[in-house]
Amino acid sequence: MPELPGLPDVGPGSPPVPLAEGARTFLTAYRPQDAAEFTAHARAGRALHRPWLFPPETAEAYAAYAGRLIEDPTAAGFLVRDRADGRIAGFININNIVRGGFRCGALGYGAFAHAAGRGLMGEGLGLVLRQAFGPLGLHRLEANIQPGNTASLALVRRAGFRREGFSPDFLFVDGAWRDHERWAITAEMPTAATG
């Protein structure tokens, strides 16, 4: 396993700085210099993601997508990387963060095809939960998932999320309003702390 660098992230050739580390994965922030790798994985995983998810497949789309996650105080984006080679295995974003008495955010995530089914996203989600309920100071995370997306449903179940309901015509995805199951986890739930 390669040693993870702790060097400042200062330029295109610099290694990514780990935000959190697990046995098999580590989290980093989105960076402009990750556009080529991210978009190549998104294009290669198109069959895996559709019709649930549409990650950016061009440098321009990545710049807008990552830029929002970097700049927007109501979002936090994490790249899940494989410790074995440092490659991006997937991404987990916390969107629509509300502070105050709510302290909640909505998850969006996806594994890339080369990493799917290897357990990397499960560990990555555990690391994100620690960030959400630790440094980010959130109390609750929600995941809204289309009923047919069995891999996504399995991921949140394994992480300890509870099913809270079903919402017909909940989100506009791929040209239509889609039904979603609503899942959530709160900071006091035992698996939230351990991932």
Protein backbone atom coordinates (compact mmCIF):
# COMPACT_ATOMS: atom_id res chain seq x y z
CA MET A 1 0.00 0.00 0.00
CA PRO A 2 1.50 3.37 -0.94
CA GLU A 3 2.26 5.92 1.75
CA LEU A 4 -0.33 8.70 1.70
CA PRO A 5 1.27 12.11 1.33
CA GLY A 6 0.57 14.94 3.72
CA LEU A 7 1.93 17.60 1.40
CA PRO A 8 0.01 20.77 0.60
CA ASP A 9 -2.14 20.52 -2.50
CA VAL A 10 -0.50 23.31 -4.48
CA GLY A 11 -0.54 22.44 -8.14
CA PRO A 12 -1.48 20.12 -10.99
CA GLY A 13 1.23 17.57 -10.18
CA SER A 14 0.70 17.57 -6.43
CA PRO A 15 -0.78 14.51 -4.73
CA PRO A 16 -4.25 14.76 -3.20
CA VAL A 17 -4.34 15.59 0.50
CA PRO A 18 -6.30 12.99 2.54
CA LEU A 19 -9.19 14.41 4.58
CA ALA A 20 -9.89 11.05 6.23
CA GLU A 21 -8.36 7.60 5.90
CA GLY A 22 -9.68 4.07 6.18
CA ALA A 23 -8.08 0.66 5.76
CA ARG A 24 -8.79 0.52 2.00
CA THR A 25 -9.85 4.04 1.04
CA PHE A 26 -9.21 7.68 1.74
CA LEU A 27 -11.22 10.83 1.10
CA THR A 28 -10.02 13.94 -0.69
CA ALA A 29 -11.66 17.16 -1.76
CA TYR A 30 -12.52 17.81 -5.38
CA ARG A 31 -9.67 19.50 -7.25
CA PRO A 32 -9.53 21.04 -10.72
CA GLN A 33 -6.62 18.74 -11.64
CA ASP A 34 -8.81 15.66 -11.11
CA ALA A 35 -11.04 16.51 -14.09
CA ALA A 36 -9.43 14.14 -16.60
CA GLU A 37 -9.51 11.11 -14.30
CA PHE A 38 -13.01 11.81 -12.96
CA THR A 39 -14.56 12.35 -16.40
CA ALA A 40 -12.82 9.29 -17.89
CA HIS A 41 -14.29 7.14 -15.09
CA ALA A 42 -17.71 8.76 -15.57
CA ARG A 43 -17.68 7.95 -19.29
CA ALA A 44 -16.50 4.38 -18.65
CA GLY A 45 -19.25 3.88 -16.06
CA ARG A 46 -22.13 5.32 -18.05
CA ALA A 47 -23.93 1.94 -18.24
CA LEU A 48 -23.57 1.47 -14.48
CA HIS A 49 -24.93 4.92 -13.60
CA ARG A 50 -27.81 5.35 -16.01
CA PRO A 51 -30.70 5.98 -15.46
CA TRP A 52 -30.00 6.89 -11.83
CA LEU A 53 -27.07 9.24 -12.08
CA PHE A 54 -25.37 11.55 -14.59
CA PRO A 55 -21.89 12.52 -13.33
CA PRO A 56 -19.98 15.04 -15.48
CA GLU A 57 -18.28 13.50 -18.52
CA THR A 58 -16.44 16.55 -19.92
CA ALA A 59 -13.83 18.88 -18.47
CA GLU A 60 -16.25 21.81 -18.72
CA ALA A 61 -19.04 19.94 -16.94
CA TYR A 62 -16.60 18.76 -14.25
CA ALA A 63 -15.35 22.34 -13.70
CA ALA A 64 -18.91 23.57 -13.04
CA TYR A 65 -19.80 20.54 -10.90
CA ALA A 66 -16.63 20.53 -8.80
CA GLY A 67 -16.61 24.33 -8.59
CA ARG A 68 -20.01 24.32 -6.93
CA LEU A 69 -18.91 21.68 -4.42
CA ILE A 70 -15.72 23.61 -3.67
CA GLU A 71 -17.30 27.07 -3.35
CA ASP A 72 -20.86 26.51 -2.10
CA PRO A 73 -21.12 26.62 1.73
CA THR A 74 -24.28 24.48 1.53
CA ALA A 75 -22.38 21.57 -0.06
CA ALA A 76 -19.42 19.35 0.78
CA GLY A 77 -17.88 17.05 -1.81
CA PHE A 78 -15.60 14.07 -1.27
CA LEU A 79 -13.74 11.86 -3.69
CA VAL A 80 -13.35 8.30 -2.46
CA ARG A 81 -9.92 6.99 -3.46
CA ASP A 82 -8.51 3.47 -3.42
CA ARG A 83 -5.50 3.31 -1.08
CA ALA A 84 -3.93 0.61 -3.27
CA ASP A 85 -3.31 2.96 -6.19
CA GLY A 86 -4.79 6.37 -5.31
CA ARG A 87 -7.36 6.18 -8.14
CA ILE A 88 -10.78 7.74 -7.69
CA ALA A 89 -13.19 4.92 -6.82
CA GLY A 90 -16.27 7.13 -6.55
CA PHE A 91 -17.70 10.27 -5.03
CA ILE A 92 -19.97 11.20 -2.14
CA ASN A 93 -21.46 14.68 -1.88
CA ILE A 94 -23.47 16.29 0.87
CA ASN A 95 -25.86 18.76 -0.75
CA ASN A 96 -28.46 21.22 0.54
CA ILE A 97 -26.77 21.57 3.93
CA VAL A 98 -28.99 23.47 6.35
CA ARG A 99 -27.51 24.73 9.62
CA GLY A 100 -29.27 26.06 12.71
CA GLY A 101 -31.72 23.76 14.43
CA PHE A 102 -31.89 21.38 11.46
CA ARG A 103 -28.17 20.62 10.78
CA CYS A 104 -29.00 18.29 7.90
CA GLY A 105 -27.72 17.49 4.42
CA ALA A 106 -28.74 15.33 1.46
CA LEU A 107 -26.37 12.69 0.08
CA GLY A 108 -25.54 12.12 -3.56
CA TYR A 109 -23.01 9.46 -4.52
CA GLY A 110 -21.77 7.05 -7.11
CA ALA A 111 -19.13 4.36 -7.55
CA PHE A 112 -17.09 4.17 -10.72
CA ALA A 113 -17.26 0.92 -12.71
CA HIS A 114 -13.70 -0.23 -11.93
CA ALA A 115 -14.44 0.01 -8.18
CA ALA A 116 -18.07 -1.16 -8.06
CA GLY A 117 -18.81 -4.20 -5.91
CA ARG A 118 -15.48 -4.11 -4.06
CA GLY A 119 -16.72 -2.54 -0.79
CA LEU A 120 -14.79 0.68 -1.31
CA MET A 121 -17.86 2.89 -1.31
CA GLY A 122 -19.12 1.34 1.92
CA GLU A 123 -15.89 2.26 3.67
CA GLY A 124 -15.90 5.66 1.96
CA LEU A 125 -19.44 6.34 3.17
CA GLY A 126 -18.35 5.47 6.72
CA LEU A 127 -15.56 8.06 6.41
CA VAL A 128 -18.02 10.66 5.10
CA LEU A 129 -20.38 9.96 8.01
CA ARG A 130 -17.52 10.68 10.41
CA GLN A 131 -16.83 13.96 8.59
CA ALA A 132 -20.53 14.90 8.55
CA PHE A 133 -21.14 14.17 12.23
CA GLY A 134 -17.70 15.40 13.31
CA PRO A 135 -16.04 18.41 11.66
CA LEU A 136 -19.11 19.45 9.64
CA GLY A 137 -21.29 19.43 12.77
CA LEU A 138 -24.35 17.89 11.12
CA HIS A 139 -27.00 15.93 13.00
CA ARG A 140 -28.79 14.19 10.11
CA LEU A 141 -28.06 12.94 6.59
CA GLU A 142 -30.74 11.97 4.11
CA ALA A 143 -30.52 9.81 0.98
CA ASN A 144 -33.34 9.79 -1.56
CA ILE A 145 -33.11 6.73 -3.79
CA GLN A 146 -35.18 5.43 -6.70
CA PRO A 147 -36.73 2.07 -5.73
CA GLY A 148 -35.07 0.19 -8.60
CA ASN A 149 -31.57 1.30 -7.64
CA THR A 150 -30.78 -1.82 -5.62
CA ALA A 151 -27.04 -1.15 -5.26
CA SER A 152 -27.68 2.29 -3.76
CA LEU A 153 -30.34 0.94 -1.41
CA ALA A 154 -27.95 -1.80 -0.25
CA LEU A 155 -25.20 0.77 0.43
CA VAL A 156 -27.33 2.88 2.78
CA ARG A 157 -28.79 -0.19 4.51
CA ARG A 158 -25.27 -1.46 5.26
CA ALA A 159 -24.30 1.97 6.58
CA GLY A 160 -27.17 1.89 9.09
CA PHE A 161 -29.62 4.30 7.45
CA ARG A 162 -33.29 3.74 8.27
CA ARG A 163 -36.09 3.87 5.69
CA GLU A 164 -38.39 6.76 6.54
CA GLY A 165 -40.85 6.71 3.70
CA PHE A 166 -41.75 6.78 0.03
CA SER A 167 -42.33 9.89 -2.07
CA PRO A 168 -44.01 9.59 -5.47
CA ASP A 169 -42.77 11.99 -8.19
CA PHE A 170 -40.11 13.28 -5.78
CA LEU A 171 -37.17 14.33 -8.00
CA PHE A 172 -36.82 15.24 -11.67
CA VAL A 173 -34.29 12.75 -13.08
CA ASP A 174 -33.58 11.82 -16.70
CA GLY A 175 -36.50 13.81 -18.09
CA ALA A 176 -39.24 12.72 -15.68
CA TRP A 177 -40.43 13.01 -12.10
CA ARG A 178 -39.26 9.86 -10.30
CA ASP A 179 -40.48 8.08 -7.17
CA HIS A 180 -37.92 7.85 -4.35
CA GLU A 181 -37.51 6.02 -1.09
CA ARG A 182 -36.39 8.31 1.74
CA TRP A 183 -33.59 7.04 3.98
CA ALA A 184 -31.81 8.87 6.82
CA ILE A 185 -29.23 8.49 9.54
CA THR A 186 -28.62 10.68 12.58
CA ALA A 187 -25.50 11.30 14.62
CA GLU A 188 -26.70 9.30 17.63
CA MET A 189 -27.33 6.11 15.65
CA PRO A 190 -24.59 3.60 16.59
CA THR A 191 -23.43 2.80 13.05
CA ALA A 192 -23.14 6.49 12.21
CA ALA A 193 -20.09 6.78 14.44
CA THR A 194 -18.39 3.61 13.24
CA GLY A 195 -19.29 3.69 9.54
